[in-house]
Amino acid sequence: CAEMMHELIGKGTKNFILGHLSENNNTHEK
């Protein structure tokens, strides 16, 4: 996700929502 966001920012996107987080393999903070 981070790598793709970097690419998208370079193409002009400035607003992001991180979604579809795993309940067992991720946290909001991570």
Full PDB file with SEQRES, HELIX, SHEET, SSBOND, CRYST1, ORIGX, SCALE, CONECT and MASTER records, all heavy atoms in Angstrom:
SEQRES   1 A   30  CYS ALA GLU MET MET HIS GLU LEU ILE GLY LYS GLY THR          
SEQRES   2 A   30  LYS ASN PHE ILE LEU GLY HIS LEU SER GLU ASN ASN ASN          
SEQRES   3 A   30  THR HIS GLU LYS                                              
HELIX    1 AA1 ALA A    2  GLY A   10  1                                   9    
CRYST1    1.000    1.000    1.000  90.00  90.00  90.00 P 1           1          
ORIGX1      1.000000  0.000000  0.000000        0.00000                         
ORIGX2      0.000000  1.000000  0.000000        0.00000                         
ORIGX3      0.000000  0.000000  1.000000        0.00000                         
SCALE1      1.000000  0.000000  0.000000        0.00000                         
SCALE2      0.000000  1.000000  0.000000        0.00000                         
SCALE3      0.000000  0.000000  1.000000        0.00000                         
ATOM      1  N   CYS A   1       0.832  -1.201   0.000  1.00  0.00           N  
ATOM      2  CA  CYS A   1       0.000   0.000   0.000  1.00  0.00           C  
ATOM      3  C   CYS A   1       0.868   1.253   0.000  1.00  0.00           C  
ATOM      4  O   CYS A   1       0.616   2.196  -0.758  1.00  0.00           O  
ATOM      5  CB  CYS A   1      -0.919  -0.023   1.216  1.00  0.00           C  
ATOM      6  SG  CYS A   1      -1.920   1.462   1.423  1.00  0.00           S  
ATOM      7  N   ALA A   2       1.895   1.276   0.847  1.00  0.00           N  
ATOM      8  CA  ALA A   2       2.780   2.440   0.938  1.00  0.00           C  
ATOM      9  C   ALA A   2       3.453   2.725  -0.396  1.00  0.00           C  
ATOM     10  O   ALA A   2       3.537   3.888  -0.836  1.00  0.00           O  
ATOM     11  CB  ALA A   2       3.829   2.207   2.021  1.00  0.00           C  
ATOM     12  N   GLU A   3       3.929   1.678  -1.050  1.00  0.00           N  
ATOM     13  CA  GLU A   3       4.591   1.856  -2.353  1.00  0.00           C  
ATOM     14  C   GLU A   3       3.623   2.385  -3.395  1.00  0.00           C  
ATOM     15  O   GLU A   3       3.967   3.258  -4.205  1.00  0.00           O  
ATOM     16  CB  GLU A   3       5.195   0.524  -2.795  1.00  0.00           C  
ATOM     17  CG  GLU A   3       6.360   0.074  -1.921  1.00  0.00           C  
ATOM     18  CD  GLU A   3       6.762  -1.369  -2.169  1.00  0.00           C  
ATOM     19  OE1 GLU A   3       6.111  -2.031  -3.022  1.00  0.00           O  
ATOM     20  OE2 GLU A   3       7.718  -1.834  -1.515  1.00  0.00           O  
ATOM     21  N   MET A   4       2.390   1.866  -3.382  1.00  0.00           N  
ATOM     22  CA  MET A   4       1.400   2.329  -4.344  1.00  0.00           C  
ATOM     23  C   MET A   4       0.990   3.768  -4.062  1.00  0.00           C  
ATOM     24  O   MET A   4       0.799   4.568  -4.984  1.00  0.00           O  
ATOM     25  CB  MET A   4       0.165   1.417  -4.303  1.00  0.00           C  
ATOM     26  CG  MET A   4      -0.813   1.658  -5.445  1.00  0.00           C  
ATOM     27  SD  MET A   4      -0.080   1.272  -7.041  1.00  0.00           S  
ATOM     28  CE  MET A   4      -0.601   2.684  -8.015  1.00  0.00           C  
ATOM     29  N   MET A   5       0.881   4.127  -2.791  1.00  0.00           N  
ATOM     30  CA  MET A   5       0.554   5.506  -2.449  1.00  0.00           C  
ATOM     31  C   MET A   5       1.628   6.458  -2.951  1.00  0.00           C  
ATOM     32  O   MET A   5       1.314   7.548  -3.468  1.00  0.00           O  
ATOM     33  CB  MET A   5       0.381   5.651  -0.935  1.00  0.00           C  
ATOM     34  CG  MET A   5      -0.928   5.100  -0.418  1.00  0.00           C  
ATOM     35  SD  MET A   5      -1.067   5.177   1.403  1.00  0.00           S  
ATOM     36  CE  MET A   5      -0.983   6.947   1.697  1.00  0.00           C  
ATOM     37  N   HIS A   6       2.883   6.073  -2.816  1.00  0.00           N  
ATOM     38  CA  HIS A   6       3.977   6.912  -3.314  1.00  0.00           C  
ATOM     39  C   HIS A   6       3.827   7.152  -4.809  1.00  0.00           C  
ATOM     40  O   HIS A   6       3.987   8.283  -5.303  1.00  0.00           O  
ATOM     41  CB  HIS A   6       5.314   6.244  -3.020  1.00  0.00           C  
ATOM     42  CG  HIS A   6       6.492   7.039  -3.489  1.00  0.00           C  
ATOM     43  ND1 HIS A   6       7.357   6.603  -4.467  1.00  0.00           N  
ATOM     44  CD2 HIS A   6       6.941   8.276  -3.115  1.00  0.00           C  
ATOM     45  CE1 HIS A   6       8.279   7.514  -4.671  1.00  0.00           C  
ATOM     46  NE2 HIS A   6       8.060   8.536  -3.865  1.00  0.00           N  
ATOM     47  N   GLU A   7       3.477   6.106  -5.532  1.00  0.00           N  
ATOM     48  CA  GLU A   7       3.288   6.228  -6.975  1.00  0.00           C  
ATOM     49  C   GLU A   7       2.090   7.121  -7.292  1.00  0.00           C  
ATOM     50  O   GLU A   7       2.156   7.966  -8.192  1.00  0.00           O  
ATOM     51  CB  GLU A   7       3.081   4.826  -7.566  1.00  0.00           C  
ATOM     52  CG  GLU A   7       3.291   4.744  -9.059  1.00  0.00           C  
ATOM     53  CD  GLU A   7       3.406   3.310  -9.557  1.00  0.00           C  
ATOM     54  OE1 GLU A   7       3.804   2.424  -8.768  1.00  0.00           O  
ATOM     55  OE2 GLU A   7       3.095   3.089 -10.735  1.00  0.00           O  
ATOM     56  N   LEU A   8       1.008   6.960  -6.541  1.00  0.00           N  
ATOM     57  CA  LEU A   8      -0.199   7.752  -6.786  1.00  0.00           C  
ATOM     58  C   LEU A   8       0.015   9.223  -6.453  1.00  0.00           C  
ATOM     59  O   LEU A   8      -0.481  10.111  -7.164  1.00  0.00           O  
ATOM     60  CB  LEU A   8      -1.363   7.191  -5.959  1.00  0.00           C  
ATOM     61  CG  LEU A   8      -1.919   5.846  -6.431  1.00  0.00           C  
ATOM     62  CD1 LEU A   8      -2.839   5.255  -5.379  1.00  0.00           C  
ATOM     63  CD2 LEU A   8      -2.664   6.011  -7.744  1.00  0.00           C  
ATOM     64  N   ILE A   9       0.739   9.503  -5.365  1.00  0.00           N  
ATOM     65  CA  ILE A   9       1.033  10.892  -5.024  1.00  0.00           C  
ATOM     66  C   ILE A   9       1.813  11.553  -6.153  1.00  0.00           C  
ATOM     67  O   ILE A   9       1.571  12.718  -6.507  1.00  0.00           O  
ATOM     68  CB  ILE A   9       1.805  10.970  -3.695  1.00  0.00           C  
ATOM     69  CG1 ILE A   9       0.906  10.542  -2.538  1.00  0.00           C  
ATOM     70  CG2 ILE A   9       2.329  12.388  -3.446  1.00  0.00           C  
ATOM     71  CD1 ILE A   9       1.627  10.331  -1.226  1.00  0.00           C  
ATOM     72  N   GLY A  10       2.724  10.793  -6.748  1.00  0.00           N  
ATOM     73  CA  GLY A  10       3.482  11.319  -7.882  1.00  0.00           C  
ATOM     74  C   GLY A  10       2.622  11.632  -9.085  1.00  0.00           C  
ATOM     75  O   GLY A  10       3.005  12.448  -9.937  1.00  0.00           O  
ATOM     76  N   LYS A  11       1.436  11.008  -9.154  1.00  0.00           N  
ATOM     77  CA  LYS A  11       0.502  11.257 -10.255  1.00  0.00           C  
ATOM     78  C   LYS A  11      -0.605  12.236  -9.876  1.00  0.00           C  
ATOM     79  O   LYS A  11      -1.531  12.464 -10.658  1.00  0.00           O  
ATOM     80  CB  LYS A  11      -0.121   9.935 -10.707  1.00  0.00           C  
ATOM     81  CG  LYS A  11       0.877   8.930 -11.274  1.00  0.00           C  
ATOM     82  CD  LYS A  11       1.472   9.413 -12.593  1.00  0.00           C  
ATOM     83  CE  LYS A  11       2.377   8.340 -13.183  1.00  0.00           C  
ATOM     84  NZ  LYS A  11       2.935   8.746 -14.516  1.00  0.00           N  
ATOM     85  N   GLY A  12      -0.527  12.792  -8.656  1.00  0.00           N  
ATOM     86  CA  GLY A  12      -1.447  13.870  -8.306  1.00  0.00           C  
ATOM     87  C   GLY A  12      -2.471  13.583  -7.235  1.00  0.00           C  
ATOM     88  O   GLY A  12      -3.196  14.490  -6.817  1.00  0.00           O  
ATOM     89  N   THR A  13      -2.576  12.342  -6.759  1.00  0.00           N  
ATOM     90  CA  THR A  13      -3.550  12.024  -5.710  1.00  0.00           C  
ATOM     91  C   THR A  13      -3.022  12.496  -4.356  1.00  0.00           C  
ATOM     92  O   THR A  13      -1.876  12.239  -4.014  1.00  0.00           O  
ATOM     93  CB  THR A  13      -3.830  10.510  -5.659  1.00  0.00           C  
ATOM     94  OG1 THR A  13      -4.269  10.071  -6.945  1.00  0.00           O  
ATOM     95  CG2 THR A  13      -4.903  10.182  -4.634  1.00  0.00           C  
ATOM     96  N   LYS A  14      -3.893  13.151  -3.592  1.00  0.00           N  
ATOM     97  CA  LYS A  14      -3.462  13.707  -2.304  1.00  0.00           C  
ATOM     98  C   LYS A  14      -4.283  13.205  -1.123  1.00  0.00           C  
ATOM     99  O   LYS A  14      -3.895  13.430   0.025  1.00  0.00           O  
ATOM    100  CB  LYS A  14      -3.552  15.234  -2.344  1.00  0.00           C  
ATOM    101  CG  LYS A  14      -2.750  15.884  -3.462  1.00  0.00           C  
ATOM    102  CD  LYS A  14      -1.254  15.608  -3.335  1.00  0.00           C  
ATOM    103  CE  LYS A  14      -0.472  16.316  -4.435  1.00  0.00           C  
ATOM    104  NZ  LYS A  14       0.969  15.956  -4.421  1.00  0.00           N  
ATOM    105  N   ASN A  15      -5.399  12.527  -1.362  1.00  0.00           N  
ATOM    106  CA  ASN A  15      -6.306  12.141  -0.281  1.00  0.00           C  
ATOM    107  C   ASN A  15      -6.491  10.630  -0.257  1.00  0.00           C  
ATOM    108  O   ASN A  15      -6.915  10.026  -1.251  1.00  0.00           O  
ATOM    109  CB  ASN A  15      -7.668  12.821  -0.476  1.00  0.00           C  
ATOM    110  CG  ASN A  15      -7.552  14.332  -0.478  1.00  0.00           C  
ATOM    111  OD1 ASN A  15      -7.274  14.936   0.556  1.00  0.00           O  
ATOM    112  ND2 ASN A  15      -7.752  14.944  -1.629  1.00  0.00           N  
ATOM    113  N   PHE A  16      -6.195  10.025   0.904  1.00  0.00           N  
ATOM    114  CA  PHE A  16      -6.209   8.572   1.014  1.00  0.00           C  
ATOM    115  C   PHE A  16      -6.963   8.111   2.255  1.00  0.00           C  
ATOM    116  O   PHE A  16      -6.894   8.737   3.311  1.00  0.00           O  
ATOM    117  CB  PHE A  16      -4.776   8.030   1.110  1.00  0.00           C  
ATOM    118  CG  PHE A  16      -3.931   8.312  -0.094  1.00  0.00           C  
ATOM    119  CD1 PHE A  16      -3.202   9.496  -0.188  1.00  0.00           C  
ATOM    120  CD2 PHE A  16      -3.863   7.404  -1.145  1.00  0.00           C  
ATOM    121  CE1 PHE A  16      -2.413   9.768  -1.304  1.00  0.00           C  
ATOM    122  CE2 PHE A  16      -3.084   7.668  -2.261  1.00  0.00           C  
ATOM    123  CZ  PHE A  16      -2.353   8.853  -2.337  1.00  0.00           C  
ATOM    124  N   ILE A  17      -7.672   6.996   2.103  1.00  0.00           N  
ATOM    125  CA  ILE A  17      -8.222   6.262   3.230  1.00  0.00           C  
ATOM    126  C   ILE A  17      -7.666   4.848   3.141  1.00  0.00           C  
ATOM    127  O   ILE A  17      -7.790   4.183   2.099  1.00  0.00           O  
ATOM    128  CB  ILE A  17      -9.760   6.212   3.212  1.00  0.00           C  
ATOM    129  CG1 ILE A  17     -10.355   7.626   3.280  1.00  0.00           C  
ATOM    130  CG2 ILE A  17     -10.280   5.366   4.376  1.00  0.00           C  
ATOM    131  CD1 ILE A  17     -11.875   7.652   3.167  1.00  0.00           C  
ATOM    132  N   LEU A  18      -7.025   4.377   4.220  1.00  0.00           N  
ATOM    133  CA  LEU A  18      -6.540   3.000   4.262  1.00  0.00           C  
ATOM    134  C   LEU A  18      -7.695   2.111   4.701  1.00  0.00           C  
ATOM    135  O   LEU A  18      -8.341   2.366   5.714  1.00  0.00           O  
ATOM    136  CB  LEU A  18      -5.387   2.864   5.256  1.00  0.00           C  
ATOM    137  CG  LEU A  18      -4.219   3.848   5.117  1.00  0.00           C  
ATOM    138  CD1 LEU A  18      -3.130   3.505   6.128  1.00  0.00           C  
ATOM    139  CD2 LEU A  18      -3.660   3.829   3.699  1.00  0.00           C  
ATOM    140  N   GLY A  19      -7.967   1.047   3.919  1.00  0.00           N  
ATOM    141  CA  GLY A  19      -9.126   0.223   4.212  1.00  0.00           C  
ATOM    142  C   GLY A  19      -8.870  -1.261   4.104  1.00  0.00           C  
ATOM    143  O   GLY A  19      -7.784  -1.706   3.745  1.00  0.00           O  
ATOM    144  N   HIS A  20      -9.914  -2.022   4.430  1.00  0.00           N  
ATOM    145  CA  HIS A  20      -9.914  -3.481   4.358  1.00  0.00           C  
ATOM    146  C   HIS A  20      -8.799  -4.087   5.210  1.00  0.00           C  
ATOM    147  O   HIS A  20      -8.127  -5.041   4.796  1.00  0.00           O  
ATOM    148  CB  HIS A  20      -9.820  -3.962   2.916  1.00  0.00           C  
ATOM    149  CG  HIS A  20     -10.455  -5.308   2.689  1.00  0.00           C  
ATOM    150  ND1 HIS A  20      -9.957  -6.458   3.255  1.00  0.00           N  
ATOM    151  CD2 HIS A  20     -11.537  -5.683   1.969  1.00  0.00           C  
ATOM    152  CE1 HIS A  20     -10.704  -7.481   2.882  1.00  0.00           C  
ATOM    153  NE2 HIS A  20     -11.690  -7.033   2.113  1.00  0.00           N  
ATOM    154  N   LEU A  21      -8.570  -3.545   6.399  1.00  0.00           N  
ATOM    155  CA  LEU A  21      -7.547  -4.089   7.298  1.00  0.00           C  
ATOM    156  C   LEU A  21      -7.979  -5.440   7.856  1.00  0.00           C  
ATOM    157  O   LEU A  21      -9.151  -5.623   8.218  1.00  0.00           O  
ATOM    158  CB  LEU A  21      -7.287  -3.134   8.458  1.00  0.00           C  
ATOM    159  CG  LEU A  21      -6.283  -1.998   8.230  1.00  0.00           C  
ATOM    160  CD1 LEU A  21      -6.789  -1.004   7.209  1.00  0.00           C  
ATOM    161  CD2 LEU A  21      -5.982  -1.298   9.545  1.00  0.00           C  
ATOM    162  N   SER A  22      -7.047  -6.363   7.925  1.00  0.00           N  
ATOM    163  CA  SER A  22      -7.295  -7.652   8.560  1.00  0.00           C  
ATOM    164  C   SER A  22      -7.502  -7.463  10.056  1.00  0.00           C  
ATOM    165  O   SER A  22      -6.808  -6.677  10.706  1.00  0.00           O  
ATOM    166  CB  SER A  22      -6.112  -8.593   8.321  1.00  0.00           C  
ATOM    167  OG  SER A  22      -6.218  -9.745   9.139  1.00  0.00           O  
ATOM    168  N   GLU A  23      -8.455  -8.230  10.596  1.00  0.00           N  
ATOM    169  CA  GLU A  23      -8.713  -8.140  12.031  1.00  0.00           C  
ATOM    170  C   GLU A  23      -7.620  -8.841  12.838  1.00  0.00           C  
ATOM    171  O   GLU A  23      -7.362  -8.479  13.989  1.00  0.00           O  
ATOM    172  CB  GLU A  23     -10.071  -8.769  12.343  1.00  0.00           C  
ATOM    173  CG  GLU A  23     -10.607  -8.418  13.705  1.00  0.00           C  
ATOM    174  CD  GLU A  23     -12.106  -8.627  13.821  1.00  0.00           C  
ATOM    175  OE1 GLU A  23     -12.692  -9.306  12.958  1.00  0.00           O  
ATOM    176  OE2 GLU A  23     -12.690  -8.106  14.792  1.00  0.00           O  
ATOM    177  N   ASN A  24      -6.957  -9.830  12.214  1.00  0.00           N  
ATOM    178  CA  ASN A  24      -5.976 -10.647  12.935  1.00  0.00           C  
ATOM    179  C   ASN A  24      -4.525 -10.354  12.561  1.00  0.00           C  
ATOM    180  O   ASN A  24      -3.612 -10.725  13.298  1.00  0.00           O  
ATOM    181  CB  ASN A  24      -6.257 -12.135  12.698  1.00  0.00           C  
ATOM    182  CG  ASN A  24      -7.617 -12.552  13.204  1.00  0.00           C  
ATOM    183  OD1 ASN A  24      -7.951 -12.319  14.360  1.00  0.00           O  
ATOM    184  ND2 ASN A  24      -8.421 -13.151  12.348  1.00  0.00           N  
ATOM    185  N   ASN A  25      -4.314  -9.727  11.413  1.00  0.00           N  
ATOM    186  CA  ASN A  25      -2.952  -9.550  10.906  1.00  0.00           C  
ATOM    187  C   ASN A  25      -2.569  -8.089  10.695  1.00  0.00           C  
ATOM    188  O   ASN A  25      -1.632  -7.798   9.945  1.00  0.00           O  
ATOM    189  CB  ASN A  25      -2.784 -10.313   9.590  1.00  0.00           C  
ATOM    190  CG  ASN A  25      -3.014 -11.792   9.754  1.00  0.00           C  
ATOM    191  OD1 ASN A  25      -2.344 -12.446  10.550  1.00  0.00           O  
ATOM    192  ND2 ASN A  25      -3.988 -12.330   9.019  1.00  0.00           N  
ATOM    193  N   ASN A  26      -3.290  -7.178  11.350  1.00  0.00           N  
ATOM    194  CA  ASN A  26      -2.981  -5.760  11.191  1.00  0.00           C  
ATOM    195  C   ASN A  26      -3.605  -4.977  12.330  1.00  0.00           C  
ATOM    196  O   ASN A  26      -4.459  -5.490  13.065  1.00  0.00           O  
ATOM    197  CB  ASN A  26      -3.522  -5.250   9.850  1.00  0.00           C  
ATOM    198  CG  ASN A  26      -2.717  -4.100   9.285  1.00  0.00           C  
ATOM    199  OD1 ASN A  26      -1.785  -3.610   9.909  1.00  0.00           O  
ATOM    200  ND2 ASN A  26      -3.059  -3.679   8.079  1.00  0.00           N  
ATOM    201  N   THR A  27      -3.183  -3.736  12.492  1.00  0.00           N  
ATOM    202  CA  THR A  27      -3.832  -2.792  13.400  1.00  0.00           C  
ATOM    203  C   THR A  27      -3.878  -1.437  12.706  1.00  0.00           C  
ATOM    204  O   THR A  27      -3.120  -1.174  11.761  1.00  0.00           O  
ATOM    205  CB  THR A  27      -3.061  -2.642  14.726  1.00  0.00           C  
ATOM    206  OG1 THR A  27      -1.790  -2.016  14.459  1.00  0.00           O  
ATOM    207  CG2 THR A  27      -2.840  -3.994  15.392  1.00  0.00           C  
ATOM    208  N   HIS A  28      -4.761  -0.578  13.178  1.00  0.00           N  
ATOM    209  CA  HIS A  28      -4.816   0.781  12.632  1.00  0.00           C  
ATOM    210  C   HIS A  28      -3.456   1.458  12.750  1.00  0.00           C  
ATOM    211  O   HIS A  28      -2.987   2.128  11.824  1.00  0.00           O  
ATOM    212  CB  HIS A  28      -5.869   1.609  13.376  1.00  0.00           C  
ATOM    213  CG  HIS A  28      -7.267   1.407  12.893  1.00  0.00           C  
ATOM    214  ND1 HIS A  28      -7.830   0.165  12.731  1.00  0.00           N  
ATOM    215  CD2 HIS A  28      -8.230   2.305  12.526  1.00  0.00           C  
ATOM    216  CE1 HIS A  28      -9.069   0.293  12.295  1.00  0.00           C  
ATOM    217  NE2 HIS A  28      -9.337   1.590  12.163  1.00  0.00           N  
ATOM    218  N   GLU A  29      -2.821   1.274  13.917  1.00  0.00           N  
ATOM    219  CA  GLU A  29      -1.549   1.947  14.176  1.00  0.00           C  
ATOM    220  C   GLU A  29      -0.454   1.451  13.235  1.00  0.00           C  
ATOM    221  O   GLU A  29       0.318   2.258  12.691  1.00  0.00           O  
ATOM    222  CB  GLU A  29      -1.138   1.727  15.625  1.00  0.00           C  
ATOM    223  CG  GLU A  29      -2.052   2.374  16.659  1.00  0.00           C  
ATOM    224  CD  GLU A  29      -3.367   1.642  16.868  1.00  0.00           C  
ATOM    225  OE1 GLU A  29      -3.458   0.442  16.484  1.00  0.00           O  
ATOM    226  OE2 GLU A  29      -4.310   2.261  17.402  1.00  0.00           O  
ATOM    227  N   LYS A  30      -0.389   0.131  13.038  1.00  0.00           N  
ATOM    228  CA  LYS A  30       0.650  -0.421  12.163  1.00  0.00           C  
ATOM    229  C   LYS A  30       0.446   0.046  10.721  1.00  0.00           C  
ATOM    230  O   LYS A  30       1.415   0.404  10.036  1.00  0.00           O  
ATOM    231  CB  LYS A  30       0.644  -1.952  12.220  1.00  0.00           C  
ATOM    232  CG  LYS A  30       1.381  -2.521  13.424  1.00  0.00           C  
ATOM    233  CD  LYS A  30       1.514  -4.029  13.322  1.00  0.00           C  
ATOM    234  CE  LYS A  30       2.319  -4.579  14.488  1.00  0.00           C  
ATOM    235  NZ  LYS A  30       3.738  -4.148  14.437  1.00  0.00           N  
TER     236      LYS A  30                                                      
MASTER        0    0    0    1    0    0    0    6  235    1    0    3          
END                                                                             
